[in-house]
Amino acid sequence: MTIVPGEPGVDGLSEVVDALREWQHHEAPLQLHPGDLGWFWRFGAETTAAAVRTWSRDGRILAAGLLDGPGLLRLAIAPDAQRDEELARRLAEDVTEPERGVLPEGKANIEAPMRALVQDLLAERGWDLDEPWTPLRRDLTDPVEDPGVRIEVIGPERADVRATVQRASFDGSTFTDDHWHAMAAGPPYAGARCLVAHDDRGNAVAAVTVWSAGPGKPGLLEPMGVHREHRGRGHGTAITLAAAAALREMGSPSAVVCTPSANVGAVATYVSAGFERLPEVRDRHRKA
C-alpha cells in the first residue's frame, strides 16, 4: 500500500497521541514523546492540530511529526518502520520539497531517530548534522532519593505559581495561566503532573512537568527549570529527583530527558539526579 501523508485535525489528535505512546520503549532510542505533544498543547488544540503531520499505510500511522517552531520538524517513527524504504523515501521527499507543505524553503531542521533510514536519505540530499544534544535516562526500578525540599503538585487553582516559575526560569518565556489550562485540557495531560519545589522560606524555586506514556513506558521531563534568582543551590537536582519519583509512581520504568550538549549545567544537573548520559544525537540541518 502507498504511504499517505495527512493532517489529523483536532479530532484525530488522540489517535496520534496513542501512536506515540505505543512507540515508546524502555531503553529504545529517544524520539518524539506524547509529552512533547502535550507541552505544545499549551497553545490550544487547534494550533496543535495545525502543527501535526502523519504518514500512514493501510490506515495505520507509521510516522508522526510536530512542527515545533519555524523550520523545525520533530519526527517519531514506529519501531518496526524505521528502516521501511517506502516510508523513508516519502518522508525525505515531503520534507525536502517545499511544495509538499511540510517545511518551507530555506533553513530547516529535522529531528528523527538516529537509526532510521530517513537519516541516510536526508544526508544524500545534502542535509548536514547540526549541533549535538545529550539524551539522559534514569532507571526507576528502585525508589528515588528524597529531594530534600517541599514539592507541590500543581492543580488548576495554582496554575499561576507554575506559570510564574516557568517565566522566571526561561528567558523569553510567555507561559501563562491560560497556557497551563489549555495544556491540562489536552489528552496527554491525563498522564502528566506539574511539580514546583519550594525552599525553606516558602519561595517557589523550581518547576517541572512530567509526562507518562503509560505503565511500562518511559516517562519524559519537559520542561524543567530553576528560577533565575535561586540558582546554584541544588534546586535543579531536587526538582529532577521529584520528577523521577512522580514518574515511578505512575508506573514508568525509566525517566528520559534531552538537552543541548552545550548546556553543560543542565547535563550536570541531570547526572547529579542519577540520570545516565546516552550517546549524543543530532538533528539534520539544511542551510538557507
Protein backbone atom coordinates (compact mmCIF):
# COMPACT_ATOMS: atom_id res chain seq x y z
CA MET A 1 0.00 0.00 0.00
CA THR A 2 1.09 3.57 -0.68
CA ILE A 3 2.25 5.89 2.10
CA VAL A 4 -0.41 8.54 2.70
CA PRO A 5 0.54 11.85 4.34
CA GLY A 6 -2.08 13.56 6.47
CA GLU A 7 -3.04 16.32 8.86
CA PRO A 8 -5.13 14.76 11.63
CA GLY A 9 -7.11 17.81 12.68
CA VAL A 10 -8.36 18.24 16.24
CA ASP A 11 -10.49 15.09 16.09
CA GLY A 12 -7.51 12.97 15.06
CA LEU A 13 -5.03 14.16 17.69
CA SER A 14 -5.94 11.43 20.19
CA GLU A 15 -5.01 8.79 17.62
CA VAL A 16 -1.61 10.44 17.17
CA VAL A 17 -1.06 10.58 20.93
CA ASP A 18 -1.94 6.88 21.19
CA ALA A 19 0.55 6.02 18.44
CA LEU A 20 3.32 7.99 20.14
CA ARG A 21 2.60 6.18 23.41
CA GLU A 22 2.76 2.80 21.68
CA TRP A 23 6.15 3.60 20.13
CA GLN A 24 7.90 4.42 23.42
CA HIS A 25 10.04 1.59 24.75
CA HIS A 26 12.36 1.31 27.73
CA GLU A 27 15.98 1.58 26.58
CA ALA A 28 14.92 2.33 22.98
CA PRO A 29 16.45 5.39 21.26
CA LEU A 30 14.77 8.62 22.32
CA GLN A 31 12.26 10.09 19.88
CA LEU A 32 9.23 12.41 19.91
CA HIS A 33 7.21 11.56 23.04
CA PRO A 34 3.50 12.13 23.71
CA GLY A 35 4.69 14.59 26.38
CA ASP A 36 6.29 16.74 23.67
CA LEU A 37 2.88 17.00 22.05
CA GLY A 38 1.37 17.62 25.49
CA TRP A 39 3.69 20.55 26.21
CA PHE A 40 2.94 22.05 22.78
CA TRP A 41 -0.78 21.78 23.66
CA ARG A 42 -0.36 24.92 25.77
CA PHE A 43 -1.14 26.80 22.57
CA GLY A 44 -4.52 25.08 22.27
CA ALA A 45 -5.93 22.08 20.41
CA GLU A 46 -6.41 23.86 17.08
CA THR A 47 -2.85 25.21 16.99
CA THR A 48 -1.51 21.79 17.97
CA ALA A 49 -3.51 20.08 15.23
CA ALA A 50 -2.19 22.55 12.66
CA ALA A 51 1.38 21.64 13.69
CA VAL A 52 0.99 17.85 13.43
CA ARG A 53 1.66 15.72 10.35
CA THR A 54 1.22 11.98 9.90
CA TRP A 55 2.29 9.33 7.39
CA SER A 56 0.15 6.18 7.20
CA ARG A 57 -0.15 2.94 5.30
CA ASP A 58 -3.38 0.99 5.11
CA GLY A 59 -4.88 3.16 7.85
CA ARG A 60 -2.02 2.67 10.31
CA ILE A 61 0.09 5.65 11.34
CA LEU A 62 3.76 4.83 10.74
CA ALA A 63 5.29 8.26 11.40
CA ALA A 64 4.15 11.44 13.11
CA GLY A 65 5.76 14.85 13.12
CA LEU A 66 5.41 18.02 15.17
CA LEU A 67 6.28 21.39 13.61
CA ASP A 68 7.78 22.71 16.83
CA GLY A 69 8.73 26.20 15.72
CA PRO A 70 9.69 27.81 12.39
CA GLY A 71 11.55 25.32 10.22
CA LEU A 72 11.75 22.55 12.85
CA LEU A 73 10.08 19.19 12.35
CA ARG A 74 10.35 16.62 15.13
CA LEU A 75 9.66 13.12 13.83
CA ALA A 76 8.70 9.87 15.54
CA ILE A 77 8.58 6.61 13.61
CA ALA A 78 7.05 3.28 14.58
CA PRO A 79 9.87 0.96 15.73
CA ASP A 80 9.08 -1.64 13.06
CA ALA A 81 9.02 1.01 10.32
CA GLN A 82 12.28 2.86 10.99
CA ARG A 83 14.05 1.01 8.15
CA ASP A 84 10.99 0.91 5.88
CA GLU A 85 12.29 2.11 2.49
CA GLU A 86 8.97 3.33 1.10
CA LEU A 87 8.24 5.34 4.24
CA ALA A 88 11.76 6.78 4.40
CA ARG A 89 11.66 7.91 0.78
CA ARG A 90 8.27 9.55 1.21
CA LEU A 91 9.42 11.33 4.37
CA ALA A 92 12.60 12.58 2.71
CA GLU A 93 10.67 13.85 -0.31
CA ASP A 94 7.97 15.53 1.75
CA VAL A 95 10.38 17.44 4.00
CA THR A 96 12.78 18.38 1.20
CA GLU A 97 10.26 19.68 -1.34
CA PRO A 98 8.55 22.89 -0.06
CA GLU A 99 5.52 22.37 -2.32
CA ARG A 100 4.61 19.34 -0.18
CA GLY A 101 3.63 21.78 2.58
CA VAL A 102 5.63 20.19 5.41
CA LEU A 103 8.63 22.53 5.68
CA PRO A 104 9.18 25.90 3.99
CA GLU A 105 12.02 26.53 1.59
CA GLY A 106 15.35 27.52 3.14
CA LYS A 107 16.79 26.90 6.58
CA ALA A 108 15.25 23.92 8.38
CA ASN A 109 15.96 21.23 10.97
CA ILE A 110 14.61 17.71 11.31
CA GLU A 111 14.79 15.67 14.48
CA ALA A 112 14.41 11.96 13.74
CA PRO A 113 15.52 8.66 15.31
CA MET A 114 19.24 8.33 14.63
CA ARG A 115 18.96 4.76 13.30
CA ALA A 116 16.05 5.49 10.97
CA LEU A 117 16.63 5.11 7.24
CA VAL A 118 15.35 8.63 6.60
CA GLN A 119 18.58 9.90 8.22
CA ASP A 120 20.61 8.32 5.39
CA LEU A 121 18.32 9.66 2.69
CA LEU A 122 18.43 13.19 4.10
CA ALA A 123 22.22 13.04 4.15
CA GLU A 124 22.16 12.07 0.46
CA ARG A 125 20.03 15.16 -0.20
CA GLY A 126 22.55 17.48 1.43
CA TRP A 127 21.14 17.74 4.96
CA ASP A 128 24.08 18.12 7.36
CA LEU A 129 24.29 17.16 11.03
CA ASP A 130 23.52 20.01 13.44
CA GLU A 131 24.74 20.71 16.99
CA PRO A 132 24.74 17.73 19.39
CA TRP A 133 22.10 17.06 22.04
CA THR A 134 22.56 14.80 25.06
CA PRO A 135 19.77 12.36 25.94
CA LEU A 136 19.78 11.13 29.53
CA ARG A 137 17.91 8.30 31.19
CA ARG A 138 17.35 7.24 34.80
CA ASP A 139 16.25 3.72 35.66
CA LEU A 140 13.30 3.76 38.07
CA THR A 141 13.41 0.16 39.29
CA ASP A 142 14.49 1.28 42.76
CA PRO A 143 12.93 4.03 44.89
CA VAL A 144 14.14 7.57 44.21
CA GLU A 145 16.02 9.55 46.86
CA ASP A 146 14.11 12.21 48.80
CA PRO A 147 14.61 15.62 47.12
CA GLY A 148 15.03 17.33 50.48
CA VAL A 149 12.63 20.19 49.73
CA ARG A 150 8.87 20.63 49.78
CA ILE A 151 7.32 19.55 46.48
CA GLU A 152 3.89 20.82 45.43
CA VAL A 153 1.72 19.09 42.82
CA ILE A 154 0.10 21.90 40.86
CA GLY A 155 -3.63 21.87 40.20
CA PRO A 156 -5.85 24.37 38.36
CA GLU A 157 -6.09 26.73 41.33
CA ARG A 158 -2.27 27.06 41.48
CA ALA A 159 -1.54 27.40 37.77
CA ASP A 160 -0.25 30.92 38.37
CA VAL A 161 2.59 29.54 40.53
CA ARG A 162 3.67 27.11 37.81
CA ALA A 163 3.48 29.84 35.16
CA THR A 164 5.48 32.32 37.24
CA VAL A 165 8.35 29.87 37.81
CA GLN A 166 8.37 28.95 34.12
CA ARG A 167 8.76 32.57 33.05
CA ALA A 168 11.46 33.13 35.69
CA SER A 169 13.39 30.07 34.50
CA PHE A 170 13.49 30.62 30.74
CA ASP A 171 14.39 33.92 29.10
CA GLY A 172 11.67 34.94 26.67
CA SER A 173 9.07 32.51 28.05
CA THR A 174 5.49 33.66 27.56
CA PHE A 175 3.90 30.84 29.57
CA THR A 176 0.72 32.00 31.35
CA ASP A 177 -2.09 30.60 33.48
CA ASP A 178 -4.19 30.27 30.30
CA HIS A 179 -1.43 28.25 28.67
CA TRP A 180 -1.40 25.91 31.66
CA HIS A 181 -5.17 25.39 31.48
CA ALA A 182 -5.02 24.73 27.72
CA MET A 183 -2.21 22.20 28.25
CA ALA A 184 -4.08 20.49 31.10
CA ALA A 185 -7.17 20.11 28.88
CA GLY A 186 -5.27 18.01 26.32
CA PRO A 187 -5.35 14.18 26.30
CA PRO A 188 -1.59 13.83 27.03
CA TYR A 189 -2.03 15.60 30.37
CA ALA A 190 -4.08 12.68 31.70
CA GLY A 191 -0.67 11.11 32.35
CA ALA A 192 1.16 14.23 33.48
CA ARG A 193 1.95 16.24 36.59
CA CYS A 194 3.33 19.70 37.19
CA LEU A 195 5.60 19.94 40.23
CA VAL A 196 7.02 23.01 41.97
CA ALA A 197 9.83 22.96 44.54
CA HIS A 198 9.77 25.39 47.49
CA ASP A 199 12.77 26.39 49.55
CA ASP A 200 12.79 26.64 53.37
CA ARG A 201 11.43 30.19 53.14
CA GLY A 202 8.45 29.11 51.08
CA ASN A 203 9.72 30.54 47.78
CA ALA A 204 8.78 28.68 44.59
CA VAL A 205 12.27 27.97 43.23
CA ALA A 206 12.00 25.33 40.50
CA ALA A 207 9.38 23.58 38.40
CA VAL A 208 8.99 20.62 36.07
CA THR A 209 6.26 18.92 34.07
CA VAL A 210 6.47 15.13 33.78
CA TRP A 211 4.67 13.05 31.19
CA SER A 212 3.87 9.37 31.49
CA ALA A 213 3.35 7.37 28.30
CA GLY A 214 1.60 4.68 30.33
CA PRO A 215 2.74 1.87 32.65
CA GLY A 216 5.85 0.15 31.35
CA LYS A 217 6.73 3.07 29.07
CA PRO A 218 9.47 5.67 29.66
CA GLY A 219 8.29 8.98 31.08
CA LEU A 220 9.54 12.38 29.96
CA LEU A 221 10.64 15.55 31.76
CA GLU A 222 9.56 18.53 29.62
CA PRO A 223 10.35 21.19 30.67
CA MET A 224 12.43 21.59 33.85
CA GLY A 225 13.63 24.98 35.03
CA VAL A 226 15.07 26.77 38.05
CA HIS A 227 14.07 30.32 38.98
CA ARG A 228 16.92 32.65 37.92
CA GLU A 229 17.05 34.20 41.41
CA HIS A 230 17.51 30.83 43.14
CA ARG A 231 20.14 29.05 41.07
CA GLY A 232 23.29 27.38 42.35
CA ARG A 233 21.63 25.93 45.44
CA GLY A 234 20.77 22.41 44.29
CA HIS A 235 17.15 23.14 43.41
CA GLY A 236 17.56 21.72 39.89
CA THR A 237 18.69 18.39 41.30
CA ALA A 238 15.85 18.43 43.85
CA ILE A 239 13.07 19.04 41.31
CA THR A 240 14.58 16.43 38.97
CA LEU A 241 14.53 13.84 41.75
CA ALA A 242 10.90 14.75 42.45
CA ALA A 243 10.13 14.33 38.74
CA ALA A 244 11.71 10.87 38.68
CA ALA A 245 9.78 9.84 41.79
CA ALA A 246 6.49 11.02 40.27
CA LEU A 247 7.08 9.05 37.08
CA ARG A 248 7.98 5.94 39.07
CA GLU A 249 4.72 6.32 40.99
CA MET A 250 2.86 6.47 37.65
CA GLY A 251 4.43 3.20 36.50
CA SER A 252 7.25 4.44 34.28
CA PRO A 253 10.26 2.08 34.30
CA SER A 254 12.56 4.96 33.38
CA ALA A 255 12.66 8.74 33.06
CA VAL A 256 14.16 10.44 29.99
CA VAL A 257 15.15 13.96 29.07
CA CYS A 258 17.18 15.59 26.31
CA THR A 259 19.14 18.85 26.44
CA PRO A 260 21.67 20.61 24.20
CA SER A 261 25.14 19.23 24.89
CA ALA A 262 26.41 22.81 25.07
CA ASN A 263 24.20 23.35 28.15
CA VAL A 264 26.74 21.73 30.44
CA GLY A 265 24.95 22.98 33.55
CA ALA A 266 21.74 21.19 32.63
CA VAL A 267 23.58 17.98 31.79
CA ALA A 268 25.40 18.14 35.14
CA THR A 269 22.11 18.68 36.98
CA TYR A 270 20.51 15.59 35.46
CA VAL A 271 23.61 13.50 36.16
CA SER A 272 23.57 14.67 39.79
CA ALA A 273 19.99 13.39 40.00
CA GLY A 274 21.01 9.91 38.89
CA PHE A 275 20.50 10.21 35.14
CA GLU A 276 22.92 8.45 32.80
CA ARG A 277 24.18 10.13 29.67
CA LEU A 278 23.32 8.32 26.44
CA PRO A 279 25.10 8.70 23.07
CA GLU A 280 24.64 12.17 21.62
CA VAL A 281 22.03 12.78 18.93
CA ARG A 282 21.89 15.43 16.22
CA ASP A 283 19.21 17.00 14.08
CA ARG A 284 19.55 17.09 10.32
CA HIS A 285 20.06 20.67 9.17
CA ARG A 286 19.50 22.41 5.85
CA LYS A 287 21.10 25.80 5.34
CA ALA A 288 19.18 28.73 3.92
